[in-house]
Amino acid sequence: MTEVWEIARVGLSAMSGLVVPLAGWMLKQHLAMRKEITDLRRAKERLEDRVSRNEARLEDKPGPAALHELSLAVQALRGDLRAIDEKLNGTCQLVTRLDRVMERQEAYLLNKGG
């Protein structure tokens, strides 16, 4: 019976020589995985924050309908500017004629009517 106990003790000491390093290795792996999970969670939170900020920026941007309205407004302004340009050209012609009339009147007055 003592032989059985001796075999059991030797077997247990041999197993403890294998189990303790194996348990240490498993603990080390577990801690490494926990650190990696923590790092991944932090990275995920940073990415979520960046996505939220970008979504907020995009909400402030005009959509297709607003851009279309802006395009129509710019086209209307072009038409208004063309009309103003035509009126200014007509006004320039009138001013040029008035300048000629004024020059003739000045010349007449400077020459004392003759």
C-alpha atoms as a PDB file:
ATOM      1  CA  MET A   1       0.000   0.000   0.000  1.00  0.00           C
ATOM      2  CA  THR A   2       2.874   2.349   0.665  1.00  0.00           C
ATOM      3  CA  GLU A   3       4.021   1.613  -2.817  1.00  0.00           C
ATOM      4  CA  VAL A   4       0.747   2.922  -4.171  1.00  0.00           C
ATOM      5  CA  TRP A   5       1.085   6.040  -2.095  1.00  0.00           C
ATOM      6  CA  GLU A   6       4.642   6.480  -3.277  1.00  0.00           C
ATOM      7  CA  ILE A   7       3.564   6.130  -6.911  1.00  0.00           C
ATOM      8  CA  ALA A   8       0.712   8.564  -6.334  1.00  0.00           C
ATOM      9  CA  ARG A   9       3.072  11.067  -4.679  1.00  0.00           C
ATOM     10  CA  VAL A  10       5.599  10.794  -7.525  1.00  0.00           C
ATOM     11  CA  GLY A  11       2.800  11.102 -10.074  1.00  0.00           C
ATOM     12  CA  LEU A  12       1.377  14.133  -8.301  1.00  0.00           C
ATOM     13  CA  SER A  13       4.787  15.814  -8.034  1.00  0.00           C
ATOM     14  CA  ALA A  14       5.400  15.139 -11.725  1.00  0.00           C
ATOM     15  CA  MET A  15       1.978  16.519 -12.570  1.00  0.00           C
ATOM     16  CA  SER A  16       2.533  19.565 -10.375  1.00  0.00           C
ATOM     17  CA  GLY A  17       5.786  20.164 -12.267  1.00  0.00           C
ATOM     18  CA  LEU A  18       3.719  20.248 -15.460  1.00  0.00           C
ATOM     19  CA  VAL A  19       0.554  21.868 -14.141  1.00  0.00           C
ATOM     20  CA  VAL A  20       2.170  24.915 -12.485  1.00  0.00           C
ATOM     21  CA  PRO A  21       4.041  26.070 -15.640  1.00  0.00           C
ATOM     22  CA  LEU A  22       0.964  25.289 -17.737  1.00  0.00           C
ATOM     23  CA  ALA A  23      -1.225  27.322 -15.369  1.00  0.00           C
ATOM     24  CA  GLY A  24       1.320  30.172 -15.492  1.00  0.00           C
ATOM     25  CA  TRP A  25       1.345  30.106 -19.270  1.00  0.00           C
ATOM     26  CA  MET A  26      -2.457  30.076 -19.378  1.00  0.00           C
ATOM     27  CA  LEU A  27      -2.599  33.009 -16.926  1.00  0.00           C
ATOM     28  CA  LYS A  28      -0.102  34.939 -19.045  1.00  0.00           C
ATOM     29  CA  GLN A  29      -2.164  34.246 -22.186  1.00  0.00           C
ATOM     30  CA  HIS A  30      -5.349  35.286 -20.389  1.00  0.00           C
ATOM     31  CA  LEU A  31      -3.805  38.587 -19.260  1.00  0.00           C
ATOM     32  CA  ALA A  32      -2.472  39.273 -22.767  1.00  0.00           C
ATOM     33  CA  MET A  33      -5.915  38.636 -24.246  1.00  0.00           C
ATOM     34  CA  ARG A  34      -7.535  40.954 -21.673  1.00  0.00           C
ATOM     35  CA  LYS A  35      -5.050  43.696 -22.575  1.00  0.00           C
ATOM     36  CA  GLU A  36      -5.723  43.178 -26.270  1.00  0.00           C
ATOM     37  CA  ILE A  37      -9.487  43.309 -25.679  1.00  0.00           C
ATOM     38  CA  THR A  38      -9.071  46.534 -23.674  1.00  0.00           C
ATOM     39  CA  ASP A  39      -6.945  48.039 -26.464  1.00  0.00           C
ATOM     40  CA  LEU A  40      -9.518  47.014 -29.068  1.00  0.00           C
ATOM     41  CA  ARG A  41     -12.333  48.561 -27.018  1.00  0.00           C
ATOM     42  CA  ARG A  42     -10.404  51.838 -26.768  1.00  0.00           C
ATOM     43  CA  ALA A  43      -9.733  51.801 -30.508  1.00  0.00           C
ATOM     44  CA  LYS A  44     -13.427  51.114 -31.140  1.00  0.00           C
ATOM     45  CA  GLU A  45     -14.421  54.050 -28.920  1.00  0.00           C
ATOM     46  CA  ARG A  46     -11.996  56.343 -30.760  1.00  0.00           C
ATOM     47  CA  LEU A  47     -13.390  55.225 -34.106  1.00  0.00           C
ATOM     48  CA  GLU A  48     -16.962  55.724 -32.906  1.00  0.00           C
ATOM     49  CA  ASP A  49     -16.021  59.235 -31.789  1.00  0.00           C
ATOM     50  CA  ARG A  50     -14.456  60.013 -35.161  1.00  0.00           C
ATOM     51  CA  VAL A  51     -17.485  58.653 -37.008  1.00  0.00           C
ATOM     52  CA  SER A  52     -19.820  60.734 -34.829  1.00  0.00           C
ATOM     53  CA  ARG A  53     -17.806  63.894 -35.507  1.00  0.00           C
ATOM     54  CA  ASN A  54     -17.787  63.200 -39.256  1.00  0.00           C
ATOM     55  CA  GLU A  55     -21.523  62.527 -39.248  1.00  0.00           C
ATOM     56  CA  ALA A  56     -22.077  65.848 -37.459  1.00  0.00           C
ATOM     57  CA  ARG A  57     -19.961  67.608 -40.084  1.00  0.00           C
ATOM     58  CA  LEU A  58     -21.909  65.965 -42.897  1.00  0.00           C
ATOM     59  CA  GLU A  59     -25.225  67.028 -41.362  1.00  0.00           C
ATOM     60  CA  ASP A  60     -24.133  70.661 -41.776  1.00  0.00           C
ATOM     61  CA  LYS A  61     -23.387  70.203 -45.468  1.00  0.00           C
ATOM     62  CA  PRO A  62     -26.097  71.085 -48.002  1.00  0.00           C
ATOM     63  CA  GLY A  63     -27.900  68.184 -49.581  1.00  0.00           C
ATOM     64  CA  PRO A  64     -28.665  67.647 -53.267  1.00  0.00           C
ATOM     65  CA  ALA A  65     -31.901  69.661 -53.088  1.00  0.00           C
ATOM     66  CA  ALA A  66     -30.145  72.634 -51.477  1.00  0.00           C
ATOM     67  CA  LEU A  67     -27.348  72.490 -54.064  1.00  0.00           C
ATOM     68  CA  HIS A  68     -29.940  72.438 -56.848  1.00  0.00           C
ATOM     69  CA  GLU A  69     -31.674  75.486 -55.365  1.00  0.00           C
ATOM     70  CA  LEU A  70     -28.311  77.237 -55.098  1.00  0.00           C
ATOM     71  CA  SER A  71     -27.568  76.439 -58.734  1.00  0.00           C
ATOM     72  CA  LEU A  72     -30.920  77.906 -59.792  1.00  0.00           C
ATOM     73  CA  ALA A  73     -30.264  81.046 -57.721  1.00  0.00           C
ATOM     74  CA  VAL A  74     -26.847  81.490 -59.366  1.00  0.00           C
ATOM     75  CA  GLN A  75     -28.417  81.125 -62.808  1.00  0.00           C
ATOM     76  CA  ALA A  76     -31.040  83.753 -61.910  1.00  0.00           C
ATOM     77  CA  LEU A  77     -28.264  86.088 -60.761  1.00  0.00           C
ATOM     78  CA  ARG A  78     -26.475  85.597 -64.079  1.00  0.00           C
ATOM     79  CA  GLY A  79     -29.615  86.649 -65.895  1.00  0.00           C
ATOM     80  CA  ASP A  80     -29.975  89.687 -63.648  1.00  0.00           C
ATOM     81  CA  LEU A  81     -26.348  90.641 -64.262  1.00  0.00           C
ATOM     82  CA  ARG A  82     -26.821  90.367 -68.030  1.00  0.00           C
ATOM     83  CA  ALA A  83     -29.829  92.659 -67.834  1.00  0.00           C
ATOM     84  CA  ILE A  84     -27.894  95.154 -65.718  1.00  0.00           C
ATOM     85  CA  ASP A  85     -24.982  94.970 -68.178  1.00  0.00           C
ATOM     86  CA  GLU A  86     -27.313  95.803 -71.069  1.00  0.00           C
ATOM     87  CA  LYS A  87     -28.761  98.749 -69.151  1.00  0.00           C
ATOM     88  CA  LEU A  88     -25.268  99.995 -68.299  1.00  0.00           C
ATOM     89  CA  ASN A  89     -24.229  99.754 -71.944  1.00  0.00           C
ATOM     90  CA  GLY A  90     -27.240 101.857 -72.894  1.00  0.00           C
ATOM     91  CA  THR A  91     -26.436 104.341 -70.157  1.00  0.00           C
ATOM     92  CA  CYS A  92     -22.823 104.540 -71.376  1.00  0.00           C
ATOM     93  CA  GLN A  93     -24.037 105.398 -74.853  1.00  0.00           C
ATOM     94  CA  LEU A  94     -26.247 108.155 -73.427  1.00  0.00           C
ATOM     95  CA  VAL A  95     -23.385 109.558 -71.348  1.00  0.00           C
ATOM     96  CA  THR A  96     -21.125 109.530 -74.413  1.00  0.00           C
ATOM     97  CA  ARG A  97     -23.708 111.507 -76.367  1.00  0.00           C
ATOM     98  CA  LEU A  98     -24.162 113.944 -73.491  1.00  0.00           C
ATOM     99  CA  ASP A  99     -20.383 114.397 -73.330  1.00  0.00           C
ATOM    100  CA  ARG A 100     -20.336 115.341 -77.008  1.00  0.00           C
ATOM    101  CA  VAL A 101     -23.197 117.787 -76.514  1.00  0.00           C
ATOM    102  CA  MET A 102     -21.442 119.331 -73.505  1.00  0.00           C
ATOM    103  CA  GLU A 103     -18.188 119.636 -75.440  1.00  0.00           C
ATOM    104  CA  ARG A 104     -19.997 121.446 -78.252  1.00  0.00           C
ATOM    105  CA  GLN A 105     -21.710 123.783 -75.818  1.00  0.00           C
ATOM    106  CA  GLU A 106     -18.419 124.535 -74.079  1.00  0.00           C
ATOM    107  CA  ALA A 107     -16.743 125.162 -77.379  1.00  0.00           C
ATOM    108  CA  TYR A 108     -19.615 127.466 -78.388  1.00  0.00           C
ATOM    109  CA  LEU A 109     -19.416 129.375 -75.116  1.00  0.00           C
ATOM    110  CA  LEU A 110     -15.620 129.610 -75.213  1.00  0.00           C
ATOM    111  CA  ASN A 111     -15.740 130.966 -78.748  1.00  0.00           C
ATOM    112  CA  LYS A 112     -18.402 133.435 -77.616  1.00  0.00           C
ATOM    113  CA  GLY A 113     -21.049 131.987 -79.791  1.00  0.00           C
ATOM    114  CA  GLY A 114     -19.245 132.154 -82.963  1.00  0.00           C
END
